[in-house]
Amino acid sequence: MEEDEREGQENQPEPEIGSGTEDEGQEGQPATETQPVTAGEATQEQSLPGIEPHPVPTSTPVQSPSTGNERRRQFYLGLGIGFIPLVLFFLGLAPNVVWLIVLSLILWFVTLIASIVCILIRRVRYVGYGLLTSVPITLVVGSIGCIIIATRPRG
């Protein structure tokens, strides 16, 4: 009889041991059973003294995408703020106010850094685009202004 039992076991396929990640964490843990909760039990658990139930927020308000007019307004705002160093530079070309040229160069570097920071922030991204556009324009217009002032005839 033992031989018959052994033969029966040898002919049956052995269960495969899977290497899947799903079964690995569940092998050593017993299966948990879920029990339905009645409405009376649910309110009983929430009405413990000293603990107040908090309402679950249904949804968070979503900001609407900015319109074309708002983007344009932000761009022009950044452009206007970015031209302040250029105006100070030209005012500094007057006699006895050389400190304005130094201030305008410092503000130009600040504008460059502020444009990069503003581009990284989604809400003020178009202000950053305006600031970044003003950086090379300031360099070109300022250098052309210097060339014109340096080459004009003295008289």
C-alpha atoms as a PDB file:
ATOM      1  CA  MET A   1       0.000   0.000   0.000  1.00  0.00           C
ATOM      2  CA  GLU A   2       2.758   2.384   0.754  1.00  0.00           C
ATOM      3  CA  GLU A   3       4.124   1.913  -2.725  1.00  0.00           C
ATOM      4  CA  ASP A   4       0.748   2.868  -4.223  1.00  0.00           C
ATOM      5  CA  GLU A   5       0.641   6.053  -2.149  1.00  0.00           C
ATOM      6  CA  ARG A   6       4.192   6.949  -3.176  1.00  0.00           C
ATOM      7  CA  GLU A   7       3.434   6.387  -6.833  1.00  0.00           C
ATOM      8  CA  GLY A   8       0.357   8.608  -6.567  1.00  0.00           C
ATOM      9  CA  GLN A   9       2.400  11.381  -5.022  1.00  0.00           C
ATOM     10  CA  GLU A  10       5.171  11.085  -7.591  1.00  0.00           C
ATOM     11  CA  ASN A  11       2.765  11.477 -10.509  1.00  0.00           C
ATOM     12  CA  GLN A  12       1.203  14.637  -9.134  1.00  0.00           C
ATOM     13  CA  PRO A  13       2.898  17.898 -10.122  1.00  0.00           C
ATOM     14  CA  GLU A  14       4.610  19.792  -7.357  1.00  0.00           C
ATOM     15  CA  PRO A  15       3.236  23.205  -6.568  1.00  0.00           C
ATOM     16  CA  GLU A  16       5.368  25.961  -8.108  1.00  0.00           C
ATOM     17  CA  ILE A  17       6.928  28.531  -5.860  1.00  0.00           C
ATOM     18  CA  GLY A  18       6.434  31.914  -7.521  1.00  0.00           C
ATOM     19  CA  SER A  19       8.993  34.627  -7.320  1.00  0.00           C
ATOM     20  CA  GLY A  20       6.373  37.342  -7.756  1.00  0.00           C
ATOM     21  CA  THR A  21       6.542  40.357  -5.525  1.00  0.00           C
ATOM     22  CA  GLU A  22       2.848  40.212  -4.661  1.00  0.00           C
ATOM     23  CA  ASP A  23       3.033  36.939  -2.752  1.00  0.00           C
ATOM     24  CA  GLU A  24       6.287  37.629  -0.915  1.00  0.00           C
ATOM     25  CA  GLY A  25       4.875  40.050   1.624  1.00  0.00           C
ATOM     26  CA  GLN A  26       1.751  37.987   2.272  1.00  0.00           C
ATOM     27  CA  GLU A  27       3.310  34.567   2.925  1.00  0.00           C
ATOM     28  CA  GLY A  28       3.996  35.031   6.629  1.00  0.00           C
ATOM     29  CA  GLN A  29       0.890  37.091   7.386  1.00  0.00           C
ATOM     30  CA  PRO A  30      -2.467  35.526   8.195  1.00  0.00           C
ATOM     31  CA  ALA A  31      -5.429  36.533   6.089  1.00  0.00           C
ATOM     32  CA  THR A  32      -7.549  39.208   7.734  1.00  0.00           C
ATOM     33  CA  GLU A  33     -11.292  39.093   7.601  1.00  0.00           C
ATOM     34  CA  THR A  34     -13.346  42.228   7.122  1.00  0.00           C
ATOM     35  CA  GLN A  35     -16.639  42.597   8.859  1.00  0.00           C
ATOM     36  CA  PRO A  36     -19.350  44.954   7.674  1.00  0.00           C
ATOM     37  CA  VAL A  37     -19.999  47.945   9.925  1.00  0.00           C
ATOM     38  CA  THR A  38     -23.547  48.990  10.562  1.00  0.00           C
ATOM     39  CA  ALA A  39     -24.627  52.613  10.667  1.00  0.00           C
ATOM     40  CA  GLY A  40     -25.180  52.484  14.444  1.00  0.00           C
ATOM     41  CA  GLU A  41     -21.653  51.212  15.089  1.00  0.00           C
ATOM     42  CA  ALA A  42     -20.131  53.879  12.854  1.00  0.00           C
ATOM     43  CA  THR A  43     -21.813  56.739  14.724  1.00  0.00           C
ATOM     44  CA  GLN A  44     -21.024  55.087  18.030  1.00  0.00           C
ATOM     45  CA  GLU A  45     -17.279  55.069  17.249  1.00  0.00           C
ATOM     46  CA  GLN A  46     -17.282  58.685  16.084  1.00  0.00           C
ATOM     47  CA  SER A  47     -19.180  60.057  19.069  1.00  0.00           C
ATOM     48  CA  LEU A  48     -16.543  59.300  21.682  1.00  0.00           C
ATOM     49  CA  PRO A  49     -16.265  62.013  24.314  1.00  0.00           C
ATOM     50  CA  GLY A  50     -13.451  64.486  23.681  1.00  0.00           C
ATOM     51  CA  ILE A  51     -13.035  63.517  20.032  1.00  0.00           C
ATOM     52  CA  GLU A  52     -14.868  65.557  17.452  1.00  0.00           C
ATOM     53  CA  PRO A  53     -15.288  64.156  13.949  1.00  0.00           C
ATOM     54  CA  HIS A  54     -13.783  66.280  11.185  1.00  0.00           C
ATOM     55  CA  PRO A  55     -15.561  66.534   7.851  1.00  0.00           C
ATOM     56  CA  VAL A  56     -13.629  65.115   4.949  1.00  0.00           C
ATOM     57  CA  PRO A  57     -12.938  67.735   2.253  1.00  0.00           C
ATOM     58  CA  THR A  58     -14.661  66.736  -0.955  1.00  0.00           C
ATOM     59  CA  SER A  59     -12.318  68.507  -3.334  1.00  0.00           C
ATOM     60  CA  THR A  60      -9.707  71.226  -3.385  1.00  0.00           C
ATOM     61  CA  PRO A  61     -10.360  74.376  -5.373  1.00  0.00           C
ATOM     62  CA  VAL A  62      -8.503  74.367  -8.651  1.00  0.00           C
ATOM     63  CA  GLN A  63      -7.095  77.574 -10.070  1.00  0.00           C
ATOM     64  CA  SER A  64      -8.282  78.303 -13.541  1.00  0.00           C
ATOM     65  CA  PRO A  65      -5.563  78.613 -16.148  1.00  0.00           C
ATOM     66  CA  SER A  66      -4.450  82.165 -16.688  1.00  0.00           C
ATOM     67  CA  THR A  67      -5.969  83.885 -19.656  1.00  0.00           C
ATOM     68  CA  GLY A  68      -4.070  85.460 -22.500  1.00  0.00           C
ATOM     69  CA  ASN A  69      -4.753  88.985 -21.206  1.00  0.00           C
ATOM     70  CA  GLU A  70      -3.390  88.130 -17.768  1.00  0.00           C
ATOM     71  CA  ARG A  71      -0.278  86.559 -19.287  1.00  0.00           C
ATOM     72  CA  ARG A  72       0.270  89.589 -21.503  1.00  0.00           C
ATOM     73  CA  ARG A  73      -0.154  91.931 -18.530  1.00  0.00           C
ATOM     74  CA  GLN A  74       2.359  89.925 -16.491  1.00  0.00           C
ATOM     75  CA  PHE A  75       4.840  89.925 -19.383  1.00  0.00           C
ATOM     76  CA  TYR A  76       4.629  93.697 -19.797  1.00  0.00           C
ATOM     77  CA  LEU A  77       4.970  94.146 -16.033  1.00  0.00           C
ATOM     78  CA  GLY A  78       8.188  92.115 -16.088  1.00  0.00           C
ATOM     79  CA  LEU A  79       9.412  94.046 -19.100  1.00  0.00           C
ATOM     80  CA  GLY A  80       8.725  97.383 -17.403  1.00  0.00           C
ATOM     81  CA  ILE A  81      10.449  96.342 -14.180  1.00  0.00           C
ATOM     82  CA  GLY A  82      13.374  94.991 -16.209  1.00  0.00           C
ATOM     83  CA  PHE A  83      13.956  98.349 -17.911  1.00  0.00           C
ATOM     84  CA  ILE A  84      14.507 100.202 -14.608  1.00  0.00           C
ATOM     85  CA  PRO A  85      18.278  99.429 -14.657  1.00  0.00           C
ATOM     86  CA  LEU A  86      18.476 100.808 -18.214  1.00  0.00           C
ATOM     87  CA  VAL A  87      16.833 104.083 -17.201  1.00  0.00           C
ATOM     88  CA  LEU A  88      19.167 104.396 -14.193  1.00  0.00           C
ATOM     89  CA  PHE A  89      22.128 103.672 -16.456  1.00  0.00           C
ATOM     90  CA  PHE A  90      21.243 106.528 -18.804  1.00  0.00           C
ATOM     91  CA  LEU A  91      20.618 108.860 -15.872  1.00  0.00           C
ATOM     92  CA  GLY A  92      24.037 107.893 -14.515  1.00  0.00           C
ATOM     93  CA  LEU A  93      25.748 109.122 -17.666  1.00  0.00           C
ATOM     94  CA  ALA A  94      25.130 112.672 -16.506  1.00  0.00           C
ATOM     95  CA  PRO A  95      28.056 114.390 -14.757  1.00  0.00           C
ATOM     96  CA  ASN A  96      28.574 113.773 -11.009  1.00  0.00           C
ATOM     97  CA  VAL A  97      26.148 110.847 -10.717  1.00  0.00           C
ATOM     98  CA  VAL A  98      28.418 107.915 -11.564  1.00  0.00           C
ATOM     99  CA  TRP A  99      26.981 105.992  -8.597  1.00  0.00           C
ATOM    100  CA  LEU A 100      23.795 105.513 -10.667  1.00  0.00           C
ATOM    101  CA  ILE A 101      25.770 103.522 -13.233  1.00  0.00           C
ATOM    102  CA  VAL A 102      27.030 101.207 -10.493  1.00  0.00           C
ATOM    103  CA  LEU A 103      23.510 100.892  -9.091  1.00  0.00           C
ATOM    104  CA  SER A 104      22.110 100.110 -12.529  1.00  0.00           C
ATOM    105  CA  LEU A 105      24.667  97.333 -13.068  1.00  0.00           C
ATOM    106  CA  ILE A 106      23.811  95.805  -9.677  1.00  0.00           C
ATOM    107  CA  LEU A 107      20.109  95.995 -10.507  1.00  0.00           C
ATOM    108  CA  TRP A 108      20.776  94.372 -13.866  1.00  0.00           C
ATOM    109  CA  PHE A 109      22.284  91.324 -12.118  1.00  0.00           C
ATOM    110  CA  VAL A 110      19.373  91.287  -9.665  1.00  0.00           C
ATOM    111  CA  THR A 111      16.963  91.344 -12.624  1.00  0.00           C
ATOM    112  CA  LEU A 112      18.735  88.378 -14.173  1.00  0.00           C
ATOM    113  CA  ILE A 113      18.460  86.339 -10.967  1.00  0.00           C
ATOM    114  CA  ALA A 114      14.851  87.429 -10.335  1.00  0.00           C
ATOM    115  CA  SER A 115      13.848  86.386 -13.848  1.00  0.00           C
ATOM    116  CA  ILE A 116      15.136  82.861 -13.268  1.00  0.00           C
ATOM    117  CA  VAL A 117      13.346  82.634  -9.928  1.00  0.00           C
ATOM    118  CA  CYS A 118      10.078  83.945 -11.395  1.00  0.00           C
ATOM    119  CA  ILE A 119      10.205  81.462 -14.269  1.00  0.00           C
ATOM    120  CA  LEU A 120      10.384  78.613 -11.755  1.00  0.00           C
ATOM    121  CA  ILE A 121       7.198  79.801  -9.996  1.00  0.00           C
ATOM    122  CA  ARG A 122       4.141  78.931 -12.096  1.00  0.00           C
ATOM    123  CA  ARG A 123       1.969  81.808 -10.881  1.00  0.00           C
ATOM    124  CA  VAL A 124       4.430  84.552 -11.946  1.00  0.00           C
ATOM    125  CA  ARG A 125       6.127  82.744 -14.827  1.00  0.00           C
ATOM    126  CA  TYR A 126       5.221  85.401 -17.401  1.00  0.00           C
ATOM    127  CA  VAL A 127       6.664  88.161 -15.209  1.00  0.00           C
ATOM    128  CA  GLY A 128       9.895  86.153 -15.341  1.00  0.00           C
ATOM    129  CA  TYR A 129       9.666  85.951 -19.123  1.00  0.00           C
ATOM    130  CA  GLY A 130       9.337  89.744 -19.278  1.00  0.00           C
ATOM    131  CA  LEU A 131      12.303  90.216 -16.948  1.00  0.00           C
ATOM    132  CA  LEU A 132      14.385  87.761 -18.937  1.00  0.00           C
ATOM    133  CA  THR A 133      13.497  89.524 -22.194  1.00  0.00           C
ATOM    134  CA  SER A 134      14.606  92.859 -20.751  1.00  0.00           C
ATOM    135  CA  VAL A 135      18.079  91.554 -19.812  1.00  0.00           C
ATOM    136  CA  PRO A 136      19.585  91.355 -23.333  1.00  0.00           C
ATOM    137  CA  ILE A 137      17.613  94.392 -24.509  1.00  0.00           C
ATOM    138  CA  THR A 138      19.150  96.409 -21.670  1.00  0.00           C
ATOM    139  CA  LEU A 139      22.640  95.271 -22.678  1.00  0.00           C
ATOM    140  CA  VAL A 140      22.154  96.115 -26.353  1.00  0.00           C
ATOM    141  CA  VAL A 141      20.436  99.483 -25.833  1.00  0.00           C
ATOM    142  CA  GLY A 142      22.890 100.474 -23.084  1.00  0.00           C
ATOM    143  CA  SER A 143      25.938  99.649 -25.199  1.00  0.00           C
ATOM    144  CA  ILE A 144      24.520 101.489 -28.215  1.00  0.00           C
ATOM    145  CA  GLY A 145      23.835 104.498 -25.963  1.00  0.00           C
ATOM    146  CA  CYS A 146      27.420 104.432 -24.711  1.00  0.00           C
ATOM    147  CA  ILE A 147      28.760 104.266 -28.251  1.00  0.00           C
ATOM    148  CA  ILE A 148      26.610 107.203 -29.342  1.00  0.00           C
ATOM    149  CA  ILE A 149      27.615 109.320 -26.328  1.00  0.00           C
ATOM    150  CA  ALA A 150      31.312 108.452 -26.730  1.00  0.00           C
ATOM    151  CA  THR A 151      31.428 109.298 -30.447  1.00  0.00           C
ATOM    152  CA  ARG A 152      29.423 112.518 -30.455  1.00  0.00           C
ATOM    153  CA  PRO A 153      31.437 115.602 -31.254  1.00  0.00           C
ATOM    154  CA  ARG A 154      32.379 117.861 -28.406  1.00  0.00           C
ATOM    155  CA  GLY A 155      31.842 121.464 -29.049  1.00  0.00           C
END
